[in-house]
Protein backbone atom coordinates (compact mmCIF):
# COMPACT_ATOMS: atom_id res chain seq x y z
CA MET A 1 98.91 108.03 159.38
CA SER A 2 100.15 105.77 161.93
CA PRO A 3 99.03 102.22 162.00
CA HIS A 4 97.10 101.40 165.52
CA CYS A 5 99.02 98.06 165.54
CA ILE A 6 100.94 96.10 163.20
CA LYS A 7 100.00 92.47 162.83
CA ALA A 8 102.79 90.03 163.66
CA SER A 9 102.79 88.07 160.59
CA ALA A 10 106.39 87.94 159.37
CA SER A 11 105.42 87.18 155.66
CA ALA A 12 103.42 90.65 155.61
CA ALA A 13 103.18 93.45 158.07
CA ARG A 14 99.70 94.28 157.71
CA GLU A 15 97.99 97.18 159.64
CA GLY A 16 95.28 96.13 162.27
CA THR A 17 92.81 98.08 164.21
CA GLU A 18 92.34 96.28 167.45
CA CYS A 19 94.81 95.03 170.03
CA SER A 20 93.98 92.58 172.89
CA MET A 21 95.65 92.10 176.05
CA PRO A 22 97.81 90.54 177.63
CA ILE A 23 101.10 91.99 176.56
CA HIS A 24 103.90 89.54 175.58
CA ILE A 25 107.60 90.54 175.31
CA ALA A 26 109.58 88.28 172.96
CA THR A 27 113.16 88.96 171.53
CA ALA A 28 112.83 89.39 167.94
CA GLN A 29 114.08 86.86 165.06
CA PRO A 30 115.65 87.83 161.72
CA VAL A 31 112.37 87.08 159.99
CA ASP A 32 111.01 90.11 162.17
CA ALA A 33 113.10 92.60 160.14
CA PRO A 34 110.23 93.70 157.86
CA MET A 35 108.05 94.59 160.59
CA ILE A 36 110.85 96.22 162.83
CA ALA A 37 111.77 98.58 159.87
CA ARG A 38 108.22 99.64 159.42
CA LEU A 39 107.99 100.47 163.10
CA VAL A 40 111.29 102.29 162.97
CA GLY A 41 109.79 104.41 160.31
CA GLU A 42 106.86 105.25 162.36
CA LEU A 43 109.00 106.41 165.37
CA LEU A 44 111.36 108.53 162.98
CA ARG A 45 108.02 110.09 161.40
CA GLU A 46 106.77 111.04 164.88
CA ILE A 47 109.93 112.49 165.70
CA THR A 48 110.40 114.36 162.69
CA ASP A 49 106.82 115.91 162.78
CA ALA A 50 107.60 116.74 166.61
CA ILE A 51 110.62 118.89 165.87
CA GLY A 52 109.38 119.98 162.62
CA ARG A 53 112.44 119.03 160.51
CA GLN A 54 113.93 116.22 158.72
CA ALA A 55 116.54 114.96 161.24
CA PHE A 56 116.81 111.20 159.88
CA ALA A 57 117.75 109.48 156.49
CA TYR A 58 115.37 106.71 156.44
CA SER A 59 114.85 103.99 154.15
CA LEU A 60 112.53 101.10 154.75
CA VAL A 61 114.90 98.70 152.73
CA ASP A 62 117.91 99.72 154.27
CA THR A 63 116.69 99.67 157.71
CA GLU A 64 115.11 96.06 157.06
CA ALA A 65 118.55 95.02 155.81
CA ARG A 66 120.54 96.45 158.70
CA ALA A 67 118.06 94.95 161.35
CA ARG A 68 118.05 91.48 159.68
CA ALA A 69 121.82 91.53 159.69
CA TRP A 70 122.28 92.74 163.27
CA LEU A 71 119.72 90.23 164.37
CA GLU A 72 121.51 87.66 162.61
CA GLU A 73 125.02 88.33 164.06
CA GLY A 74 123.56 88.86 167.59
CA SER A 75 124.76 92.46 167.89
CA TYR A 76 121.48 93.88 168.39
CA THR A 77 118.67 92.91 170.36
CA VAL A 78 115.13 93.94 169.57
CA LEU A 79 112.24 93.34 172.20
CA LEU A 80 108.87 92.97 170.50
CA ALA A 81 105.53 93.50 172.58
CA ARG A 82 102.95 91.49 171.12
CA GLU A 83 99.23 91.45 171.80
CA SER A 84 97.59 88.46 170.38
CA GLU A 85 98.55 88.59 166.58
CA SER A 86 99.61 92.40 166.56
CA VAL A 87 102.78 94.16 167.49
CA ALA A 88 102.04 97.12 170.02
CA GLY A 89 105.56 98.25 170.40
CA PHE A 90 109.33 97.43 170.15
CA LEU A 91 112.76 98.48 172.19
CA THR A 92 116.21 98.14 170.84
CA LEU A 93 119.33 97.26 172.74
CA SER A 94 123.18 97.41 171.83
CA GLU A 95 126.05 96.95 174.10
CA CYS A 96 128.75 99.53 174.57
CA ARG A 97 131.83 99.94 176.86
CA ALA A 98 133.17 102.87 178.81
CA LEU A 99 135.56 103.41 181.52
CA TYR A 100 133.15 106.06 183.25
CA ALA A 101 130.36 103.19 183.05
CA GLU A 102 132.90 100.70 184.98
CA GLY A 103 132.51 98.46 181.96
CA ARG A 104 129.87 96.88 179.61
CA PHE A 105 126.66 98.66 179.36
CA GLY A 106 123.47 98.77 177.22
CA ILE A 107 122.15 101.51 175.13
CA LEU A 108 118.50 101.53 174.55
CA ALA A 109 118.53 103.08 171.17
CA GLU A 110 114.82 103.00 170.19
CA LEU A 111 111.62 102.57 172.20
CA TYR A 112 108.30 102.79 170.11
CA VAL A 113 104.98 102.15 171.12
CA CYS A 114 101.88 102.18 168.76
CA PRO A 115 99.77 105.36 169.48
CA ASP A 116 96.58 103.53 170.61
CA ARG A 117 98.64 101.23 172.89
CA ARG A 118 100.30 104.12 174.92
CA SER A 119 99.46 104.34 178.79
CA HIS A 120 98.42 100.56 178.38
CA GLY A 121 101.70 99.26 180.13
CA VAL A 122 103.52 98.30 176.95
CA GLY A 123 106.36 100.70 177.31
CA ARG A 124 106.76 99.71 180.89
CA ALA A 125 106.72 96.00 180.09
CA LEU A 126 109.35 96.70 177.44
CA VAL A 127 111.76 98.48 179.72
CA ALA A 128 111.26 95.80 182.40
CA GLU A 129 112.20 93.10 180.14
CA ALA A 130 115.23 95.19 178.98
CA LYS A 131 116.44 95.61 182.54
CA ARG A 132 116.17 91.71 182.83
CA VAL A 133 118.09 91.30 179.62
CA ALA A 134 120.55 93.64 180.73
CA GLY A 135 121.14 91.69 183.79
CA LEU A 136 121.52 88.48 182.14
CA LYS A 137 124.25 90.23 179.85
CA GLY A 138 126.14 91.50 183.03
CA TRP A 139 125.72 95.03 181.79
CA ALA A 140 126.41 97.68 184.61
CA ARG A 141 123.64 99.70 183.44
CA LEU A 142 121.25 100.87 180.69
CA GLU A 143 121.51 104.07 179.19
CA VAL A 144 118.72 106.35 177.10
CA THR A 145 118.84 109.71 175.44
CA THR A 146 115.76 111.84 174.79
CA PRO A 147 115.86 115.22 172.88
CA PRO A 148 116.27 118.22 175.37
CA VAL A 149 113.20 119.90 173.73
CA PRO A 150 109.71 120.23 175.37
CA GLN A 151 107.94 117.98 172.71
CA PHE A 152 109.65 115.22 174.47
CA ASP A 153 109.09 115.93 178.08
CA ARG A 154 106.53 113.07 178.33
CA SER A 155 109.40 110.68 177.28
CA LEU A 156 111.71 111.86 179.71
CA GLU A 157 109.11 111.52 182.49
CA PHE A 158 108.19 108.08 181.25
CA TYR A 159 111.80 107.17 181.61
CA GLN A 160 112.45 108.79 184.97
CA ARG A 161 109.12 106.85 186.34
CA GLN A 162 111.07 103.50 185.08
CA GLY A 163 113.87 104.21 187.28
CA PHE A 164 116.28 106.19 185.01
CA THR A 165 117.84 109.40 186.24
CA VAL A 166 119.43 112.25 184.44
CA SER A 167 123.09 112.06 184.10
CA GLY A 168 123.93 115.30 182.15
CA GLY A 169 125.28 115.93 178.72
CA ARG A 170 123.72 116.26 175.27
CA LYS A 171 123.79 113.50 172.65
CA MET A 172 125.68 114.91 169.64
CA LYS A 173 126.50 113.32 166.24
CA MET A 174 129.16 113.52 163.49
CA ALA A 175 129.12 111.93 160.19
CA VAL A 176 132.44 110.03 159.31
């Protein structure tokens, strides 16, 4: 069962049951890695449940270590949506380069809002802050991929409401 919210304590990410407004968006620090790893686990569990197959190799320990390392080196940006002492969601950004994009741009790799905080402006606030961060970094654009299956139509509609447009193609991967 998904937590309603995750307490923002860096020493122990505990589940909570109540969240209060307003939403504050902050850039995560390495100390937030355990909480980020748990939220990533919730995101991946939801995706796996929706598509009916295991699509990700998830390890809480490995995910926490990667998050901490990437935050320490500054190669990954994690935005946390906090309501009081609870985290209501997160969004991750990384930089990429492509000639078609006319330079540097941002990839919105993960966005997750706790189920009981959906449709309360948390996702919208996270995307708005991501756009602001992208501008500060001098990125030409932000890109996001959603799975092309009906289970994710709501996600596609959300991104379109935030100003994203469909640019074609399908995301593919290959292990190396």
